[in-house]
Amino acid sequence: MRGRDGNDVGQATMLLLAVVVLVALSAVAVAEFGYRIELREQAQVAADAAALAGTTGGNASAAALAAANGGVLALFRIDGADVVVEVVVGEHRATARATRAP
């Protein structure tokens, strides 16, 4: 449809719709990215806490603290004076090491 001056009418509506769709898709992508970063950080926090707990309480304490932080203890290893743990949160794995030395 043409307006009185010969310009197309309704073009701005379609452009606005395209911009709104692009903004919505960008917001969804940013939210997904943020969620993945949050899970990765949560896995590292759970691993750090489990490693520290494992220095004094062993495997059971490490597993309990990993679970309290939303993770699952996948590996518990005593390597000399160090405790090494690996914790899984969602699809993210994190490793941490803590020393049992005074």
Foldseek 3Di string as FASTA:
>chain_A
DADPVGDDPPPVVVVVVVVVVVVVVVVVVVVVVVVVVVQQVLQQVLQAQLQVLCLPPNPVRSQVSSVVSQWGWPDWDDDPQKIKTWIDHPNYIDIDIDGNDD
